[in-house]
C-alpha atoms as a PDB file:
ATOM      1  CA  MET A   1      52.261  77.943  22.021  1.00  0.00           C
ATOM      2  CA  SER A   2      49.124  76.853  23.826  1.00  0.00           C
ATOM      3  CA  ARG A   3      45.705  77.466  22.305  1.00  0.00           C
ATOM      4  CA  SER A   4      43.632  80.333  23.706  1.00  0.00           C
ATOM      5  CA  THR A   5      41.050  79.136  26.209  1.00  0.00           C
ATOM      6  CA  SER A   6      37.437  80.231  26.399  1.00  0.00           C
ATOM      7  CA  GLY A   7      37.526  81.289  30.052  1.00  0.00           C
ATOM      8  CA  HIS A   8      35.442  84.242  31.165  1.00  0.00           C
ATOM      9  CA  GLY A   9      37.941  85.762  33.586  1.00  0.00           C
ATOM     10  CA  GLY A  10      39.854  88.994  33.119  1.00  0.00           C
ATOM     11  CA  GLU A  11      43.111  87.249  32.183  1.00  0.00           C
ATOM     12  CA  GLY A  12      41.941  86.343  28.665  1.00  0.00           C
ATOM     13  CA  ARG A  13      40.637  89.838  28.062  1.00  0.00           C
ATOM     14  CA  HIS A  14      44.068  91.371  28.608  1.00  0.00           C
ATOM     15  CA  ARG A  15      46.144  88.688  26.924  1.00  0.00           C
ATOM     16  CA  PRO A  16      48.820  90.124  24.598  1.00  0.00           C
ATOM     17  CA  SER A  17      48.271  89.190  20.973  1.00  0.00           C
ATOM     18  CA  SER A  18      51.614  87.394  20.904  1.00  0.00           C
ATOM     19  CA  ASP A  19      50.267  84.985  23.573  1.00  0.00           C
ATOM     20  CA  LEU A  20      47.323  83.892  21.423  1.00  0.00           C
ATOM     21  CA  SER A  21      47.578  80.633  19.501  1.00  0.00           C
ATOM     22  CA  SER A  22      48.795  80.916  15.917  1.00  0.00           C
ATOM     23  CA  SER A  23      45.329  79.856  14.760  1.00  0.00           C
ATOM     24  CA  ALA A  24      43.595  82.557  16.836  1.00  0.00           C
ATOM     25  CA  GLN A  25      46.036  85.132  15.483  1.00  0.00           C
ATOM     26  CA  GLU A  26      45.237  84.044  11.940  1.00  0.00           C
ATOM     27  CA  TYR A  27      41.497  84.508  12.528  1.00  0.00           C
ATOM     28  CA  LEU A  28      41.899  87.945  14.111  1.00  0.00           C
ATOM     29  CA  LEU A  29      44.216  89.143  11.369  1.00  0.00           C
ATOM     30  CA  THR A  30      41.874  87.856   8.653  1.00  0.00           C
ATOM     31  CA  LEU A  31      38.882  89.568  10.259  1.00  0.00           C
ATOM     32  CA  ARG A  32      40.836  92.836  10.564  1.00  0.00           C
ATOM     33  CA  ILE A  33      41.878  92.752   6.908  1.00  0.00           C
ATOM     34  CA  MET A  34      38.491  91.693   5.523  1.00  0.00           C
ATOM     35  CA  ALA A  35      36.676  94.377   7.517  1.00  0.00           C
ATOM     36  CA  GLY A  36      39.283  97.019   6.734  1.00  0.00           C
ATOM     37  CA  ASP A  37      37.065  98.918   4.285  1.00  0.00           C
ATOM     38  CA  GLY A  38      34.019  98.818   6.560  1.00  0.00           C
ATOM     39  CA  SER A  39      32.613  95.598   5.109  1.00  0.00           C
ATOM     40  CA  ARG A  40      30.291  93.461   7.210  1.00  0.00           C
ATOM     41  CA  ILE A  41      31.964  90.125   7.786  1.00  0.00           C
ATOM     42  CA  THR A  42      30.502  86.802   8.946  1.00  0.00           C
ATOM     43  CA  ALA A  43      32.107  83.587  10.160  1.00  0.00           C
ATOM     44  CA  SER A  44      31.216  81.857   6.887  1.00  0.00           C
ATOM     45  CA  GLN A  45      33.102  84.514   4.893  1.00  0.00           C
ATOM     46  CA  VAL A  46      36.182  84.107   7.073  1.00  0.00           C
ATOM     47  CA  ALA A  47      35.857  80.335   6.748  1.00  0.00           C
ATOM     48  CA  ARG A  48      35.896  80.556   2.940  1.00  0.00           C
ATOM     49  CA  LYS A  49      38.926  82.827   3.053  1.00  0.00           C
ATOM     50  CA  LEU A  50      40.848  80.476   5.347  1.00  0.00           C
ATOM     51  CA  GLY A  51      39.664  77.283   3.658  1.00  0.00           C
ATOM     52  CA  VAL A  52      38.015  75.834   6.755  1.00  0.00           C
ATOM     53  CA  SER A  53      34.454  74.819   7.595  1.00  0.00           C
ATOM     54  CA  THR A  54      31.948  77.379   8.844  1.00  0.00           C
ATOM     55  CA  GLN A  55      31.575  75.245  11.968  1.00  0.00           C
ATOM     56  CA  ALA A  56      35.315  75.474  12.692  1.00  0.00           C
ATOM     57  CA  ALA A  57      35.327  79.244  12.141  1.00  0.00           C
ATOM     58  CA  SER A  58      32.241  79.706  14.325  1.00  0.00           C
ATOM     59  CA  GLU A  59      33.854  77.718  17.132  1.00  0.00           C
ATOM     60  CA  MET A  60      37.006  79.835  16.983  1.00  0.00           C
ATOM     61  CA  PHE A  61      35.010  83.058  17.052  1.00  0.00           C
ATOM     62  CA  ARG A  62      33.053  81.768  20.059  1.00  0.00           C
ATOM     63  CA  ARG A  63      36.391  81.356  21.857  1.00  0.00           C
ATOM     64  CA  LEU A  64      37.529  84.806  20.787  1.00  0.00           C
ATOM     65  CA  ALA A  65      34.203  86.246  21.931  1.00  0.00           C
ATOM     66  CA  ALA A  66      34.641  84.560  25.320  1.00  0.00           C
ATOM     67  CA  ASP A  67      38.039  86.265  25.553  1.00  0.00           C
ATOM     68  CA  GLY A  68      36.395  89.608  24.820  1.00  0.00           C
ATOM     69  CA  LEU A  69      38.111  90.059  21.451  1.00  0.00           C
ATOM     70  CA  VAL A  70      35.109  89.885  19.110  1.00  0.00           C
ATOM     71  CA  THR A  71      31.359  90.402  19.313  1.00  0.00           C
ATOM     72  CA  LEU A  72      28.577  88.898  17.257  1.00  0.00           C
ATOM     73  CA  ALA A  73      26.252  91.669  16.078  1.00  0.00           C
ATOM     74  CA  GLU A  74      22.884  91.449  14.330  1.00  0.00           C
ATOM     75  CA  GLY A  75      22.769  89.251  11.259  1.00  0.00           C
ATOM     76  CA  ARG A  76      25.778  87.204  12.453  1.00  0.00           C
ATOM     77  CA  GLU A  77      28.108  90.106  11.720  1.00  0.00           C
ATOM     78  CA  LEU A  78      31.492  89.834  13.460  1.00  0.00           C
ATOM     79  CA  GLN A  79      33.100  92.906  14.980  1.00  0.00           C
ATOM     80  CA  LEU A  80      36.406  93.393  16.749  1.00  0.00           C
ATOM     81  CA  THR A  81      36.080  94.845  20.235  1.00  0.00           C
ATOM     82  CA  LYS A  82      38.529  97.535  21.322  1.00  0.00           C
ATOM     83  CA  PRO A  83      40.852  94.915  22.899  1.00  0.00           C
ATOM     84  CA  GLY A  84      40.316  92.771  19.798  1.00  0.00           C
ATOM     85  CA  ARG A  85      41.325  95.612  17.495  1.00  0.00           C
ATOM     86  CA  THR A  86      44.406  96.245  19.632  1.00  0.00           C
ATOM     87  CA  ALA A  87      45.322  92.556  19.437  1.00  0.00           C
ATOM     88  CA  ALA A  88      44.678  92.433  15.691  1.00  0.00           C
ATOM     89  CA  ASP A  89      46.794  95.562  15.179  1.00  0.00           C
ATOM     90  CA  GLY A  90      49.624  93.870  17.080  1.00  0.00           C
ATOM     91  CA  ILE A  91      49.392  90.830  14.815  1.00  0.00           C
ATOM     92  CA  PHE A  92      49.257  93.029  11.713  1.00  0.00           C
ATOM     93  CA  ARG A  93      52.301  94.938  12.976  1.00  0.00           C
ATOM     94  CA  ARG A  94      54.355  91.742  13.309  1.00  0.00           C
ATOM     95  CA  HIS A  95      53.131  90.613   9.894  1.00  0.00           C
ATOM     96  CA  ALA A  96      54.175  93.949   8.381  1.00  0.00           C
ATOM     97  CA  LEU A  97      57.607  93.872  10.020  1.00  0.00           C
ATOM     98  CA  CYS A  98      58.138  90.400   8.552  1.00  0.00           C
ATOM     99  CA  GLU A  99      57.079  91.704   5.134  1.00  0.00           C
ATOM    100  CA  TRP A 100      59.525  94.622   5.341  1.00  0.00           C
ATOM    101  CA  LEU A 101      62.293  92.196   6.320  1.00  0.00           C
ATOM    102  CA  LEU A 102      61.470  89.733   3.549  1.00  0.00           C
ATOM    103  CA  THR A 103      61.033  92.315   0.775  1.00  0.00           C
ATOM    104  CA  GLU A 104      63.749  94.854   1.602  1.00  0.00           C
ATOM    105  CA  ILE A 105      66.417  92.674   3.236  1.00  0.00           C
ATOM    106  CA  VAL A 106      65.838  89.137   1.941  1.00  0.00           C
ATOM    107  CA  GLY A 107      64.626  90.275  -1.483  1.00  0.00           C
ATOM    108  CA  LEU A 108      61.355  88.367  -1.896  1.00  0.00           C
ATOM    109  CA  GLY A 109      58.468  89.661  -4.001  1.00  0.00           C
ATOM    110  CA  TRP A 110      55.306  91.093  -2.466  1.00  0.00           C
ATOM    111  CA  ALA A 111      53.068  88.047  -2.923  1.00  0.00           C
ATOM    112  CA  GLU A 112      55.699  85.574  -1.718  1.00  0.00           C
ATOM    113  CA  SER A 113      56.640  87.711   1.278  1.00  0.00           C
ATOM    114  CA  ASP A 114      53.006  87.926   2.345  1.00  0.00           C
ATOM    115  CA  ALA A 115      52.710  84.133   2.440  1.00  0.00           C
ATOM    116  CA  GLU A 116      56.021  83.748   4.284  1.00  0.00           C
ATOM    117  CA  ALA A 117      55.103  86.479   6.771  1.00  0.00           C
ATOM    118  CA  GLU A 118      51.976  84.518   7.718  1.00  0.00           C
ATOM    119  CA  ARG A 119      54.242  81.649   8.765  1.00  0.00           C
ATOM    120  CA  LEU A 120      56.600  83.853  10.756  1.00  0.00           C
ATOM    121  CA  GLN A 121      54.326  86.358  12.488  1.00  0.00           C
ATOM    122  CA  ALA A 122      53.073  84.054  15.246  1.00  0.00           C
ATOM    123  CA  ALA A 123      56.595  82.978  16.215  1.00  0.00           C
ATOM    124  CA  ILE A 124      58.052  86.437  16.847  1.00  0.00           C
ATOM    125  CA  SER A 125      58.729  87.289  20.482  1.00  0.00           C
ATOM    126  CA  PRO A 126      58.339  90.863  21.789  1.00  0.00           C
ATOM    127  CA  ARG A 127      62.128  91.167  21.989  1.00  0.00           C
ATOM    128  CA  VAL A 128      62.628  90.128  18.358  1.00  0.00           C
ATOM    129  CA  GLU A 129      59.758  92.396  17.313  1.00  0.00           C
ATOM    130  CA  ALA A 130      61.466  95.370  18.982  1.00  0.00           C
ATOM    131  CA  GLN A 131      64.790  94.532  17.317  1.00  0.00           C
ATOM    132  CA  LEU A 132      63.118  94.194  13.917  1.00  0.00           C
ATOM    133  CA  ASP A 133      61.370  97.518  14.389  1.00  0.00           C
ATOM    134  CA  GLU A 134      64.726  99.169  15.139  1.00  0.00           C
ATOM    135  CA  LEU A 135      66.455  97.470  12.201  1.00  0.00           C
ATOM    136  CA  LEU A 136      63.727  98.516   9.769  1.00  0.00           C
ATOM    137  CA  GLY A 137      63.612 102.138  10.900  1.00  0.00           C
ATOM    138  CA  HIS A 138      60.311 102.071  12.831  1.00  0.00           C
ATOM    139  CA  PRO A 139      57.852 101.790   9.922  1.00  0.00           C
ATOM    140  CA  GLU A 140      54.315 103.120  10.448  1.00  0.00           C
ATOM    141  CA  THR A 141      52.910 101.196   7.488  1.00  0.00           C
ATOM    142  CA  CYS A 142      53.321  97.836   5.811  1.00  0.00           C
ATOM    143  CA  PRO A 143      55.323  97.766   2.531  1.00  0.00           C
ATOM    144  CA  HIS A 144      52.048  98.349   0.667  1.00  0.00           C
ATOM    145  CA  GLY A 145      51.383 101.580   2.567  1.00  0.00           C
ATOM    146  CA  ASN A 146      48.645 100.432   4.949  1.00  0.00           C
ATOM    147  CA  PRO A 147      48.902 101.909   8.480  1.00  0.00           C
ATOM    148  CA  LEU A 148      49.888  99.485  11.212  1.00  0.00           C
ATOM    149  CA  ASP A 149      47.222 100.563  13.694  1.00  0.00           C
ATOM    150  CA  ALA A 150      44.103 102.671  14.139  1.00  0.00           C
ATOM    151  CA  GLU A 151      45.943 105.607  15.709  1.00  0.00           C
ATOM    152  CA  THR A 152      48.346 105.844  12.771  1.00  0.00           C
ATOM    153  CA  ALA A 153      45.436 105.616  10.334  1.00  0.00           C
ATOM    154  CA  LYS A 154      43.728 108.595  12.010  1.00  0.00           C
ATOM    155  CA  ARG A 155      46.623 110.967  11.342  1.00  0.00           C
ATOM    156  CA  ARG A 156      47.417 109.867   7.803  1.00  0.00           C
ATOM    157  CA  PRO A 157      45.516 111.035   4.697  1.00  0.00           C
ATOM    158  CA  ALA A 158      42.802 108.701   3.454  1.00  0.00           C
ATOM    159  CA  GLY A 159      43.787 109.007  -0.203  1.00  0.00           C
ATOM    160  CA  GLU A 160      41.300 108.359  -2.991  1.00  0.00           C
ATOM    161  CA  PRO A 161      40.748 105.471  -5.423  1.00  0.00           C
ATOM    162  CA  LEU A 162      43.013 105.378  -8.454  1.00  0.00           C
ATOM    163  CA  ALA A 163      39.871 104.562 -10.456  1.00  0.00           C
ATOM    164  CA  SER A 164      38.484 108.049  -9.723  1.00  0.00           C
ATOM    165  CA  ILE A 165      41.373 109.935 -11.348  1.00  0.00           C
ATOM    166  CA  GLU A 166      40.575 111.392 -14.777  1.00  0.00           C
ATOM    167  CA  ALA A 167      42.692 111.149 -17.941  1.00  0.00           C
ATOM    168  CA  GLY A 168      45.505 113.668 -18.068  1.00  0.00           C
ATOM    169  CA  GLN A 169      45.848 113.940 -14.301  1.00  0.00           C
ATOM    170  CA  ARG A 170      48.955 113.079 -12.298  1.00  0.00           C
ATOM    171  CA  ALA A 171      48.923 111.264  -8.975  1.00  0.00           C
ATOM    172  CA  THR A 172      51.163 109.479  -6.470  1.00  0.00           C
ATOM    173  CA  ILE A 173      50.482 105.872  -5.502  1.00  0.00           C
ATOM    174  CA  TYR A 174      49.695 106.083  -1.792  1.00  0.00           C
ATOM    175  CA  ARG A 175      48.709 102.616  -0.611  1.00  0.00           C
ATOM    176  CA  ILE A 176      47.665  99.215  -1.900  1.00  0.00           C
ATOM    177  CA  THR A 177      44.612  98.469   0.239  1.00  0.00           C
ATOM    178  CA  GLU A 178      44.195  95.314   2.310  1.00  0.00           C
ATOM    179  CA  ALA A 179      41.558  94.132  -0.174  1.00  0.00           C
ATOM    180  CA  ALA A 180      44.085  94.427  -3.008  1.00  0.00           C
ATOM    181  CA  GLU A 181      46.676  92.587  -0.912  1.00  0.00           C
ATOM    182  CA  GLU A 182      44.304  89.614  -0.834  1.00  0.00           C
ATOM    183  CA  ASP A 183      44.655  89.261  -4.633  1.00  0.00           C
ATOM    184  CA  ALA A 184      48.106  87.749  -5.201  1.00  0.00           C
ATOM    185  CA  GLY A 185      47.861  88.219  -8.979  1.00  0.00           C
ATOM    186  CA  LEU A 186      47.040  91.906  -8.658  1.00  0.00           C
ATOM    187  CA  LEU A 187      49.764  92.381  -6.068  1.00  0.00           C
ATOM    188  CA  SER A 188      52.358  90.798  -8.368  1.00  0.00           C
ATOM    189  CA  TYR A 189      51.201  92.889 -11.351  1.00  0.00           C
ATOM    190  CA  LEU A 190      51.422  96.152  -9.405  1.00  0.00           C
ATOM    191  CA  GLU A 191      54.890  95.284  -8.153  1.00  0.00           C
ATOM    192  CA  ALA A 192      56.078  94.256 -11.632  1.00  0.00           C
ATOM    193  CA  ARG A 193      54.925  97.615 -13.055  1.00  0.00           C
ATOM    194  CA  GLY A 194      56.605  99.566 -10.256  1.00  0.00           C
ATOM    195  CA  LEU A 195      53.256 100.743  -8.861  1.00  0.00           C
ATOM    196  CA  ARG A 196      54.323 100.875  -5.239  1.00  0.00           C
ATOM    197  CA  PRO A 197      53.749 103.589  -2.609  1.00  0.00           C
ATOM    198  CA  GLY A 198      55.536 106.774  -3.627  1.00  0.00           C
ATOM    199  CA  ALA A 199      55.476 106.042  -7.375  1.00  0.00           C
ATOM    200  CA  HIS A 200      54.259 108.835  -9.658  1.00  0.00           C
ATOM    201  CA  VAL A 201      51.732 108.055 -12.382  1.00  0.00           C
ATOM    202  CA  THR A 202      49.899 109.937 -15.109  1.00  0.00           C
ATOM    203  CA  ILE A 203      46.496 108.711 -16.237  1.00  0.00           C
ATOM    204  CA  LEU A 204      46.537 108.285 -20.024  1.00  0.00           C
ATOM    205  CA  ALA A 205      42.992 107.007 -20.529  1.00  0.00           C
ATOM    206  CA  ARG A 206      39.997 106.055 -18.421  1.00  0.00           C
ATOM    207  CA  SER A 207      36.952 104.312 -19.874  1.00  0.00           C
ATOM    208  CA  GLU A 208      33.756 103.343 -18.069  1.00  0.00           C
ATOM    209  CA  SER A 209      32.518 101.444 -21.131  1.00  0.00           C
ATOM    210  CA  LEU A 210      35.720  99.406 -21.430  1.00  0.00           C
ATOM    211  CA  ASP A 211      36.016  99.140 -17.631  1.00  0.00           C
ATOM    212  CA  SER A 212      39.692 100.020 -17.780  1.00  0.00           C
ATOM    213  CA  LEU A 213      42.283 102.594 -16.910  1.00  0.00           C
ATOM    214  CA  THR A 214      45.648 103.050 -18.629  1.00  0.00           C
ATOM    215  CA  LEU A 215      48.456 104.932 -16.956  1.00  0.00           C
ATOM    216  CA  ASP A 216      52.091 105.806 -17.424  1.00  0.00           C
ATOM    217  CA  GLY A 217      54.165 104.762 -14.416  1.00  0.00           C
ATOM    218  CA  PRO A 218      57.806 104.264 -13.417  1.00  0.00           C
ATOM    219  CA  LEU A 219      58.168 101.254 -15.740  1.00  0.00           C
ATOM    220  CA  GLY A 220      56.000 102.450 -18.608  1.00  0.00           C
ATOM    221  CA  ARG A 221      52.360 101.805 -19.398  1.00  0.00           C
ATOM    222  CA  ALA A 222      50.077  99.699 -17.253  1.00  0.00           C
ATOM    223  CA  THR A 223      46.409  98.837 -17.668  1.00  0.00           C
ATOM    224  CA  LEU A 224      44.020  98.024 -14.845  1.00  0.00           C
ATOM    225  CA  GLY A 225      40.328  97.235 -14.662  1.00  0.00           C
ATOM    226  CA  LEU A 226      38.400  99.933 -12.820  1.00  0.00           C
ATOM    227  CA  ARG A 227      37.552  97.553  -9.977  1.00  0.00           C
ATOM    228  CA  PRO A 228      41.177  96.652  -9.119  1.00  0.00           C
ATOM    229  CA  ALA A 229      42.131 100.289  -9.716  1.00  0.00           C
ATOM    230  CA  GLY A 230      39.543 101.142  -7.084  1.00  0.00           C
ATOM    231  CA  LEU A 231      41.530  99.075  -4.568  1.00  0.00           C
ATOM    232  CA  VAL A 232      44.592 101.303  -4.991  1.00  0.00           C
ATOM    233  CA  ARG A 233      44.637 104.621  -3.138  1.00  0.00           C
ATOM    234  CA  VAL A 234      46.446 107.658  -4.532  1.00  0.00           C
ATOM    235  CA  ILE A 235      47.093 111.292  -3.686  1.00  0.00           C
ATOM    236  CA  ARG A 236      46.589 113.765  -6.501  1.00  0.00           C
ATOM    237  CA  GLY A 237      49.779 115.403  -7.704  1.00  0.00           C
ATOM    238  CA  ASP A 238      53.032 114.999  -5.778  1.00  0.00           C
ATOM    239  CA  ALA A 239      52.605 113.666  -2.250  1.00  0.00           C
ATOM    240  CA  ASP A 240      54.785 114.475   0.749  1.00  0.00           C
ATOM    241  CA  PRO A 241      57.770 112.053   0.612  1.00  0.00           C
ATOM    242  CA  ALA A 242      57.575 111.720   4.412  1.00  0.00           C
ATOM    243  CA  LEU A 243      54.416 109.623   3.945  1.00  0.00           C
ATOM    244  CA  PHE A 244      56.464 106.780   2.453  1.00  0.00           C
ATOM    245  CA  HIS A 245      58.712 104.678   4.648  1.00  0.00           C
ATOM    246  CA  ARG A 246      62.175 103.695   3.493  1.00  0.00           C
ATOM    247  CA  VAL A 247      64.243 101.065   5.297  1.00  0.00           C
ATOM    248  CA  PRO A 248      67.578 102.595   6.386  1.00  0.00           C
ATOM    249  CA  GLY A 249      70.393 101.832   3.989  1.00  0.00           C
ATOM    250  CA  ARG A 250      68.130 100.440   1.257  1.00  0.00           C
END
């Protein structure tokens, strides 16, 4: 696949995300995920995340800006434009479909499937994407519960941080935020304890002084620091089962 050019014509501004280079897709997806909670993101932060130089990241974002996909705001803050958000959502959608395939059909764990999905997402054609979507039952979220696009996010509940739930209260795991997905160790721990979207938990103890939360989940007790617990969103009590996607036949 050819690398995205930095032309100023209308063609680049309407380019489907699947036509972007794999490198450009990686940058857009990373920016979308890192800014998912409203954080202000710079090229140097993206560079550290991707393990490249700030110069290389800045050059890529200049190309993406020329294509109308990102803007550089005050203080070097990067922002996705509306076309950029649409493109990034398309990339995230393909990534999520790959994750559903790898976790529910192939049988890989969350952390491993995330890494493998990064390799596969750029190679999926629109036809294969449509077939995957049909096979997987048209999911609206990734396996961790995060909505695939901005429109879906608008009509789904926001949830609240697991860290805010008091001892003795019951809740349903709603989604593992994009920030939590970036921590492979946390992702593996949550999966190992059965703390996936739709799981019911009861908070046994919550301590600000010890910076920890202990809960009873599907596979027994689990303990989390308050910061990582803050990266998990829950719904108090029993949530509507329709909020949680299940792959047909699984």
